[in-house]
Amino acid sequence: APSSGTDIEVPAVVELLDRIAAGAITAEQARDKL
């Protein structure tokens, strides 16, 4: 994976998933940014 070796904190992932679920951003936008 291009992100191999990089970890992100869980609360940020949860917030990101909440934004996706609310329709504020798409999963593709989140994936591309990360």
PDB file of all heavy atoms in Angstrom:
ATOM      1  N   ALA A   1       0.848  -1.196   0.000  1.00  0.00           N
ATOM      2  CA  ALA A   1       0.000   0.000   0.000  1.00  0.00           C
ATOM      3  C   ALA A   1       0.883   1.246   0.000  1.00  0.00           C
ATOM      4  O   ALA A   1       1.942   1.259   0.627  1.00  0.00           O
ATOM      5  CB  ALA A   1      -0.910   0.000   1.214  1.00  0.00           C
ATOM      6  N   PRO A   2       0.456   2.316  -0.711  1.00  0.00           N
ATOM      7  CA  PRO A   2       1.273   3.537  -0.737  1.00  0.00           C
ATOM      8  C   PRO A   2       1.436   4.149   0.648  1.00  0.00           C
ATOM      9  O   PRO A   2       2.385   4.869   0.896  1.00  0.00           O
ATOM     10  CB  PRO A   2       0.507   4.472  -1.669  1.00  0.00           C
ATOM     11  CG  PRO A   2      -0.848   3.905  -1.816  1.00  0.00           C
ATOM     12  CD  PRO A   2      -0.762   2.447  -1.483  1.00  0.00           C
ATOM     13  N   SER A   3       0.526   3.848   1.554  1.00  0.00           N
ATOM     14  CA  SER A   3       0.588   4.422   2.898  1.00  0.00           C
ATOM     15  C   SER A   3       1.289   3.503   3.892  1.00  0.00           C
ATOM     16  O   SER A   3       1.254   3.758   5.090  1.00  0.00           O
ATOM     17  CB  SER A   3      -0.824   4.719   3.391  1.00  0.00           C
ATOM     18  OG  SER A   3      -1.596   3.528   3.385  1.00  0.00           O
ATOM     19  N   SER A   4       1.928   2.466   3.419  1.00  0.00           N
ATOM     20  CA  SER A   4       2.577   1.498   4.293  1.00  0.00           C
ATOM     21  C   SER A   4       3.520   2.194   5.262  1.00  0.00           C
ATOM     22  O   SER A   4       4.330   3.027   4.876  1.00  0.00           O
ATOM     23  CB  SER A   4       3.352   0.492   3.446  1.00  0.00           C
ATOM     24  OG  SER A   4       4.070  -0.386   4.268  1.00  0.00           O
ATOM     25  N   GLY A   5       3.383   1.853   6.537  1.00  0.00           N
ATOM     26  CA  GLY A   5       4.264   2.421   7.557  1.00  0.00           C
ATOM     27  C   GLY A   5       3.690   3.632   8.247  1.00  0.00           C
ATOM     28  O   GLY A   5       4.283   4.147   9.173  1.00  0.00           O
ATOM     29  N   THR A   6       2.527   4.114   7.820  1.00  0.00           N
ATOM     30  CA  THR A   6       1.931   5.298   8.418  1.00  0.00           C
ATOM     31  C   THR A   6       0.667   4.916   9.173  1.00  0.00           C
ATOM     32  O   THR A   6      -0.211   4.258   8.635  1.00  0.00           O
ATOM     33  CB  THR A   6       1.576   6.341   7.337  1.00  0.00           C
ATOM     34  OG1 THR A   6       2.722   6.605   6.550  1.00  0.00           O
ATOM     35  CG2 THR A   6       1.104   7.629   7.972  1.00  0.00           C
ATOM     36  N   ASP A   7       0.583   5.318  10.427  1.00  0.00           N
ATOM     37  CA  ASP A   7      -0.588   5.067  11.253  1.00  0.00           C
ATOM     38  C   ASP A   7      -1.268   6.391  11.567  1.00  0.00           C
ATOM     39  O   ASP A   7      -0.609   7.417  11.727  1.00  0.00           O
ATOM     40  CB  ASP A   7      -0.203   4.394  12.574  1.00  0.00           C
ATOM     41  CG  ASP A   7       0.377   3.010  12.377  1.00  0.00           C
ATOM     42  OD1 ASP A   7      -0.035   2.327  11.421  1.00  0.00           O
ATOM     43  OD2 ASP A   7       1.237   2.617  13.177  1.00  0.00           O
ATOM     44  N   ILE A   8      -2.601   6.351  11.703  1.00  0.00           N
ATOM     45  CA  ILE A   8      -3.385   7.529  12.062  1.00  0.00           C
ATOM     46  C   ILE A   8      -4.171   7.205  13.316  1.00  0.00           C
ATOM     47  O   ILE A   8      -4.601   6.067  13.522  1.00  0.00           O
ATOM     48  CB  ILE A   8      -4.317   7.952  10.895  1.00  0.00           C
ATOM     49  CG1 ILE A   8      -5.066   9.241  11.227  1.00  0.00           C
ATOM     50  CG2 ILE A   8      -5.258   6.832  10.516  1.00  0.00           C
ATOM     51  CD1 ILE A   8      -5.818   9.821  10.037  1.00  0.00           C
ATOM     52  N   GLU A   9      -4.375   8.197  14.161  1.00  0.00           N
ATOM     53  CA  GLU A   9      -5.087   7.961  15.412  1.00  0.00           C
ATOM     54  C   GLU A   9      -6.555   7.608  15.168  1.00  0.00           C
ATOM     55  O   GLU A   9      -7.186   8.113  14.250  1.00  0.00           O
ATOM     56  CB  GLU A   9      -4.973   9.179  16.311  1.00  0.00           C
ATOM     57  CG  GLU A   9      -5.593  10.426  15.707  1.00  0.00           C
ATOM     58  CD  GLU A   9      -5.540  11.615  16.648  1.00  0.00           C
ATOM     59  OE1 GLU A   9      -6.077  11.514  17.763  1.00  0.00           O
ATOM     60  OE2 GLU A   9      -4.975  12.631  16.238  1.00  0.00           O
ATOM     61  N   VAL A  10      -7.088   6.721  15.995  1.00  0.00           N
ATOM     62  CA  VAL A  10      -8.455   6.223  15.835  1.00  0.00           C
ATOM     63  C   VAL A  10      -9.509   7.331  15.933  1.00  0.00           C
ATOM     64  O   VAL A  10     -10.437   7.359  15.121  1.00  0.00           O
ATOM     65  CB  VAL A  10      -8.737   5.076  16.844  1.00  0.00           C
ATOM     66  CG1 VAL A  10     -10.198   4.687  16.843  1.00  0.00           C
ATOM     67  CG2 VAL A  10      -7.858   3.876  16.509  1.00  0.00           C
ATOM     68  N   PRO A  11      -9.448   8.278  16.874  1.00  0.00           N
ATOM     69  CA  PRO A  11     -10.487   9.308  16.927  1.00  0.00           C
ATOM     70  C   PRO A  11     -10.609  10.106  15.620  1.00  0.00           C
ATOM     71  O   PRO A  11     -11.716  10.484  15.222  1.00  0.00           O
ATOM     72  CB  PRO A  11     -10.053  10.212  18.084  1.00  0.00           C
ATOM     73  CG  PRO A  11      -9.241   9.324  18.959  1.00  0.00           C
ATOM     74  CD  PRO A  11      -8.524   8.391  18.019  1.00  0.00           C
ATOM     75  N   ALA A  12      -9.504  10.331  14.937  1.00  0.00           N
ATOM     76  CA  ALA A  12      -9.555  11.034  13.652  1.00  0.00           C
ATOM     77  C   ALA A  12     -10.250  10.179  12.603  1.00  0.00           C
ATOM     78  O   ALA A  12     -11.014  10.691  11.781  1.00  0.00           O
ATOM     79  CB  ALA A  12      -8.152  11.411  13.186  1.00  0.00           C
ATOM     80  N   VAL A  13     -10.024   8.877  12.645  1.00  0.00           N
ATOM     81  CA  VAL A  13     -10.687   7.970  11.700  1.00  0.00           C
ATOM     82  C   VAL A  13     -12.191   7.963  11.963  1.00  0.00           C
ATOM     83  O   VAL A  13     -12.998   8.025  11.034  1.00  0.00           O
ATOM     84  CB  VAL A  13     -10.108   6.535  11.794  1.00  0.00           C
ATOM     85  CG1 VAL A  13     -10.911   5.572  10.955  1.00  0.00           C
ATOM     86  CG2 VAL A  13      -8.644   6.536  11.373  1.00  0.00           C
ATOM     87  N   VAL A  14     -12.580   7.926  13.227  1.00  0.00           N
ATOM     88  CA  VAL A  14     -14.001   7.948  13.579  1.00  0.00           C
ATOM     89  C   VAL A  14     -14.638   9.247  13.098  1.00  0.00           C
ATOM     90  O   VAL A  14     -15.731   9.237  12.512  1.00  0.00           O
ATOM     91  CB  VAL A  14     -14.192   7.753  15.102  1.00  0.00           C
ATOM     92  CG1 VAL A  14     -15.642   8.003  15.507  1.00  0.00           C
ATOM     93  CG2 VAL A  14     -13.742   6.359  15.506  1.00  0.00           C
ATOM     94  N   GLU A  15     -13.973  10.363  13.317  1.00  0.00           N
ATOM     95  CA  GLU A  15     -14.505  11.648  12.843  1.00  0.00           C
ATOM     96  C   GLU A  15     -14.620  11.661  11.324  1.00  0.00           C
ATOM     97  O   GLU A  15     -15.607  12.139  10.762  1.00  0.00           O
ATOM     98  CB  GLU A  15     -13.628  12.796  13.332  1.00  0.00           C
ATOM     99  CG  GLU A  15     -14.206  14.155  13.008  1.00  0.00           C
ATOM    100  CD  GLU A  15     -13.427  15.305  13.619  1.00  0.00           C
ATOM    101  OE1 GLU A  15     -12.559  15.068  14.492  1.00  0.00           O
ATOM    102  OE2 GLU A  15     -13.689  16.449  13.214  1.00  0.00           O
ATOM    103  N   LEU A  16     -13.642  11.113  10.658  1.00  0.00           N
ATOM    104  CA  LEU A  16     -13.666  11.025   9.198  1.00  0.00           C
ATOM    105  C   LEU A  16     -14.842  10.164   8.727  1.00  0.00           C
ATOM    106  O   LEU A  16     -15.575  10.531   7.798  1.00  0.00           O
ATOM    107  CB  LEU A  16     -12.339  10.456   8.707  1.00  0.00           C
ATOM    108  CG  LEU A  16     -12.003  10.540   7.245  1.00  0.00           C
ATOM    109  CD1 LEU A  16     -12.082  11.965   6.729  1.00  0.00           C
ATOM    110  CD2 LEU A  16     -10.620   9.980   7.002  1.00  0.00           C
ATOM    111  N   LEU A  17     -15.057   9.039   9.379  1.00  0.00           N
ATOM    112  CA  LEU A  17     -16.191   8.172   9.033  1.00  0.00           C
ATOM    113  C   LEU A  17     -17.528   8.859   9.302  1.00  0.00           C
ATOM    114  O   LEU A  17     -18.483   8.701   8.531  1.00  0.00           O
ATOM    115  CB  LEU A  17     -16.098   6.848   9.796  1.00  0.00           C
ATOM    116  CG  LEU A  17     -14.949   5.934   9.376  1.00  0.00           C
ATOM    117  CD1 LEU A  17     -14.827   4.756  10.333  1.00  0.00           C
ATOM    118  CD2 LEU A  17     -15.114   5.464   7.946  1.00  0.00           C
ATOM    119  N   ASP A  18     -17.603   9.634  10.392  1.00  0.00           N
ATOM    120  CA  ASP A  18     -18.820  10.403  10.670  1.00  0.00           C
ATOM    121  C   ASP A  18     -19.114  11.408   9.562  1.00  0.00           C
ATOM    122  O   ASP A  18     -20.257  11.569   9.142  1.00  0.00           O
ATOM    123  CB  ASP A  18     -18.708  11.135  12.011  1.00  0.00           C
ATOM    124  CG  ASP A  18     -18.807  10.206  13.211  1.00  0.00           C
ATOM    125  OD1 ASP A  18     -19.265   9.055  13.046  1.00  0.00           O
ATOM    126  OD2 ASP A  18     -18.404  10.645  14.319  1.00  0.00           O
ATOM    127  N   ARG A  19     -18.063  12.055   9.058  1.00  0.00           N
ATOM    128  CA  ARG A  19     -18.238  13.029   7.963  1.00  0.00           C
ATOM    129  C   ARG A  19     -18.695  12.329   6.685  1.00  0.00           C
ATOM    130  O   ARG A  19     -19.505  12.847   5.938  1.00  0.00           O
ATOM    131  CB  ARG A  19     -16.941  13.783   7.708  1.00  0.00           C
ATOM    132  CG  ARG A  19     -16.392  14.506   8.917  1.00  0.00           C
ATOM    133  CD  ARG A  19     -16.809  15.937   8.932  1.00  0.00           C
ATOM    134  NE  ARG A  19     -16.420  16.549  10.187  1.00  0.00           N
ATOM    135  CZ  ARG A  19     -15.956  17.756  10.289  1.00  0.00           C
ATOM    136  NH1 ARG A  19     -15.821  18.494   9.214  1.00  0.00           N
ATOM    137  NH2 ARG A  19     -15.662  18.258  11.462  1.00  0.00           N
ATOM    138  N   ILE A  20     -18.174  11.142   6.436  1.00  0.00           N
ATOM    139  CA  ILE A  20     -18.592  10.362   5.261  1.00  0.00           C
ATOM    140  C   ILE A  20     -20.059   9.945   5.418  1.00  0.00           C
ATOM    141  O   ILE A  20     -20.863  10.098   4.502  1.00  0.00           O
ATOM    142  CB  ILE A  20     -17.683   9.132   5.058  1.00  0.00           C
ATOM    143  CG1 ILE A  20     -16.266   9.579   4.666  1.00  0.00           C
ATOM    144  CG2 ILE A  20     -18.267   8.198   3.997  1.00  0.00           C
ATOM    145  CD1 ILE A  20     -15.237   8.466   4.711  1.00  0.00           C
ATOM    146  N   ALA A  21     -20.428   9.434   6.595  1.00  0.00           N
ATOM    147  CA  ALA A  21     -21.798   8.983   6.850  1.00  0.00           C
ATOM    148  C   ALA A  21     -22.795  10.127   6.721  1.00  0.00           C
ATOM    149  O   ALA A  21     -23.925   9.927   6.264  1.00  0.00           O
ATOM    150  CB  ALA A  21     -21.900   8.341   8.230  1.00  0.00           C
ATOM    151  N   ALA A  22     -22.373  11.334   7.102  1.00  0.00           N
ATOM    152  CA  ALA A  22     -23.257  12.496   7.022  1.00  0.00           C
ATOM    153  C   ALA A  22     -23.342  13.055   5.602  1.00  0.00           C
ATOM    154  O   ALA A  22     -24.120  13.963   5.340  1.00  0.00           O
ATOM    155  CB  ALA A  22     -22.779  13.576   7.987  1.00  0.00           C
ATOM    156  N   GLY A  23     -22.521  12.539   4.699  1.00  0.00           N
ATOM    157  CA  GLY A  23     -22.525  13.015   3.321  1.00  0.00           C
ATOM    158  C   GLY A  23     -21.719  14.279   3.105  1.00  0.00           C
ATOM    159  O   GLY A  23     -21.777  14.898   2.041  1.00  0.00           O
ATOM    160  N   ALA A  24     -20.942  14.686   4.121  1.00  0.00           N
ATOM    161  CA  ALA A  24     -20.137  15.901   4.004  1.00  0.00           C
ATOM    162  C   ALA A  24     -18.969  15.721   3.040  1.00  0.00           C
ATOM    163  O   ALA A  24     -18.553  16.675   2.374  1.00  0.00           O
ATOM    164  CB  ALA A  24     -19.621  16.326   5.378  1.00  0.00           C
ATOM    165  N   ILE A  25     -18.428  14.521   2.992  1.00  0.00           N
ATOM    166  CA  ILE A  25     -17.357  14.175   2.057  1.00  0.00           C
ATOM    167  C   ILE A  25     -17.618  12.764   1.555  1.00  0.00           C
ATOM    168  O   ILE A  25     -18.376  12.012   2.164  1.00  0.00           O
ATOM    169  CB  ILE A  25     -15.948  14.262   2.705  1.00  0.00           C
ATOM    170  CG1 ILE A  25     -15.836  13.297   3.883  1.00  0.00           C
ATOM    171  CG2 ILE A  25     -15.612  15.682   3.100  1.00  0.00           C
ATOM    172  CD1 ILE A  25     -14.441  13.205   4.459  1.00  0.00           C
ATOM    173  N   THR A  26     -16.968  12.427   0.461  1.00  0.00           N
ATOM    174  CA  THR A  26     -17.112  11.062  -0.054  1.00  0.00           C
ATOM    175  C   THR A  26     -15.969  10.197   0.475  1.00  0.00           C
ATOM    176  O   THR A  26     -14.916  10.711   0.876  1.00  0.00           O
ATOM    177  CB  THR A  26     -17.093  11.037  -1.595  1.00  0.00           C
ATOM    178  OG1 THR A  26     -15.777  11.407  -2.046  1.00  0.00           O
ATOM    179  CG2 THR A  26     -18.143  11.964  -2.187  1.00  0.00           C
ATOM    180  N   ALA A  27     -16.189   8.908   0.441  1.00  0.00           N
ATOM    181  CA  ALA A  27     -15.139   7.973   0.852  1.00  0.00           C
ATOM    182  C   ALA A  27     -13.915   8.124  -0.052  1.00  0.00           C
ATOM    183  O   ALA A  27     -12.775   8.026   0.406  1.00  0.00           O
ATOM    184  CB  ALA A  27     -15.669   6.538   0.812  1.00  0.00           C
ATOM    185  N   GLU A  28     -14.151   8.395  -1.333  1.00  0.00           N
ATOM    186  CA  GLU A  28     -13.038   8.567  -2.275  1.00  0.00           C
ATOM    187  C   GLU A  28     -12.203   9.791  -1.911  1.00  0.00           C
ATOM    188  O   GLU A  28     -10.976   9.757  -1.989  1.00  0.00           O
ATOM    189  CB  GLU A  28     -13.558   8.694  -3.709  1.00  0.00           C
ATOM    190  CG  GLU A  28     -14.147   7.416  -4.267  1.00  0.00           C
ATOM    191  CD  GLU A  28     -15.582   7.143  -3.793  1.00  0.00           C
ATOM    192  OE1 GLU A  28     -16.241   8.061  -3.232  1.00  0.00           O
ATOM    193  OE2 GLU A  28     -16.037   6.001  -3.958  1.00  0.00           O
ATOM    194  N   GLN A  29     -12.868  10.887  -1.516  1.00  0.00           N
ATOM    195  CA  GLN A  29     -12.128  12.081  -1.110  1.00  0.00           C
ATOM    196  C   GLN A  29     -11.267  11.791   0.112  1.00  0.00           C
ATOM    197  O   GLN A  29     -10.105  12.211   0.177  1.00  0.00           O
ATOM    198  CB  GLN A  29     -13.089  13.230  -0.798  1.00  0.00           C
ATOM    199  CG  GLN A  29     -13.756  13.833  -2.006  1.00  0.00           C
ATOM    200  CD  GLN A  29     -14.831  14.830  -1.599  1.00  0.00           C
ATOM    201  OE1 GLN A  29     -15.661  14.553  -0.734  1.00  0.00           O
ATOM    202  NE2 GLN A  29     -14.811  15.986  -2.245  1.00  0.00           N
ATOM    203  N   ALA A  30     -11.843  11.093   1.070  1.00  0.00           N
ATOM    204  CA  ALA A  30     -11.103  10.759   2.287  1.00  0.00           C
ATOM    205  C   ALA A  30      -9.914   9.866   1.962  1.00  0.00           C
ATOM    206  O   ALA A  30      -8.799  10.108   2.415  1.00  0.00           O
ATOM    207  CB  ALA A  30     -12.031  10.080   3.296  1.00  0.00           C
ATOM    208  N   ARG A  31     -10.157   8.830   1.171  1.00  0.00           N
ATOM    209  CA  ARG A  31      -9.077   7.911   0.794  1.00  0.00           C
ATOM    210  C   ARG A  31      -7.969   8.649   0.057  1.00  0.00           C
ATOM    211  O   ARG A  31      -6.782   8.474   0.362  1.00  0.00           O
ATOM    212  CB  ARG A  31      -9.621   6.782  -0.080  1.00  0.00           C
ATOM    213  CG  ARG A  31      -8.535   5.771  -0.476  1.00  0.00           C
ATOM    214  CD  ARG A  31      -8.943   4.866  -1.610  1.00  0.00           C
ATOM    215  NE  ARG A  31      -9.223   5.679  -2.782  1.00  0.00           N
ATOM    216  CZ  ARG A  31     -10.299   5.545  -3.553  1.00  0.00           C
ATOM    217  NH1 ARG A  31     -11.205   4.648  -3.300  1.00  0.00           N
ATOM    218  NH2 ARG A  31     -10.477   6.323  -4.598  1.00  0.00           N
ATOM    219  N   ASP A  32      -8.333   9.469  -0.924  1.00  0.00           N
ATOM    220  CA  ASP A  32      -7.326  10.182  -1.712  1.00  0.00           C
ATOM    221  C   ASP A  32      -6.498  11.123  -0.844  1.00  0.00           C
ATOM    222  O   ASP A  32      -5.272  11.202  -0.984  1.00  0.00           O
ATOM    223  CB  ASP A  32      -7.981  10.950  -2.857  1.00  0.00           C
ATOM    224  CG  ASP A  32      -8.563  10.036  -3.917  1.00  0.00           C
ATOM    225  OD1 ASP A  32      -8.254   8.820  -3.919  1.00  0.00           O
ATOM    226  OD2 ASP A  32      -9.353  10.542  -4.757  1.00  0.00           O
ATOM    227  N   LYS A  33      -7.157  11.834   0.072  1.00  0.00           N
ATOM    228  CA  LYS A  33      -6.446  12.762   0.963  1.00  0.00           C
ATOM    229  C   LYS A  33      -5.474  12.004   1.853  1.00  0.00           C
ATOM    230  O   LYS A  33      -4.309  12.385   1.998  1.00  0.00           O
ATOM    231  CB  LYS A  33      -7.454  13.541   1.805  1.00  0.00           C
ATOM    232  CG  LYS A  33      -6.859  14.433   2.875  1.00  0.00           C
ATOM    233  CD  LYS A  33      -6.310  15.715   2.337  1.00  0.00           C
ATOM    234  CE  LYS A  33      -7.434  16.686   2.101  1.00  0.00           C
ATOM    235  NZ  LYS A  33      -6.965  18.013   1.744  1.00  0.00           N
ATOM    236  N   LEU A  34      -5.931  10.908   2.452  1.00  0.00           N
ATOM    237  CA  LEU A  34      -5.063  10.140   3.342  1.00  0.00           C
ATOM    238  C   LEU A  34      -3.909   9.489   2.589  1.00  0.00           C
ATOM    239  O   LEU A  34      -2.773   9.473   3.075  1.00  0.00           O
ATOM    240  CB  LEU A  34      -5.879   9.086   4.100  1.00  0.00           C
ATOM    241  CG  LEU A  34      -6.872   9.638   5.116  1.00  0.00           C
ATOM    242  CD1 LEU A  34      -7.709   8.511   5.704  1.00  0.00           C
ATOM    243  CD2 LEU A  34      -6.172  10.419   6.210  1.00  0.00           C
TER     244      LEU A  34
END
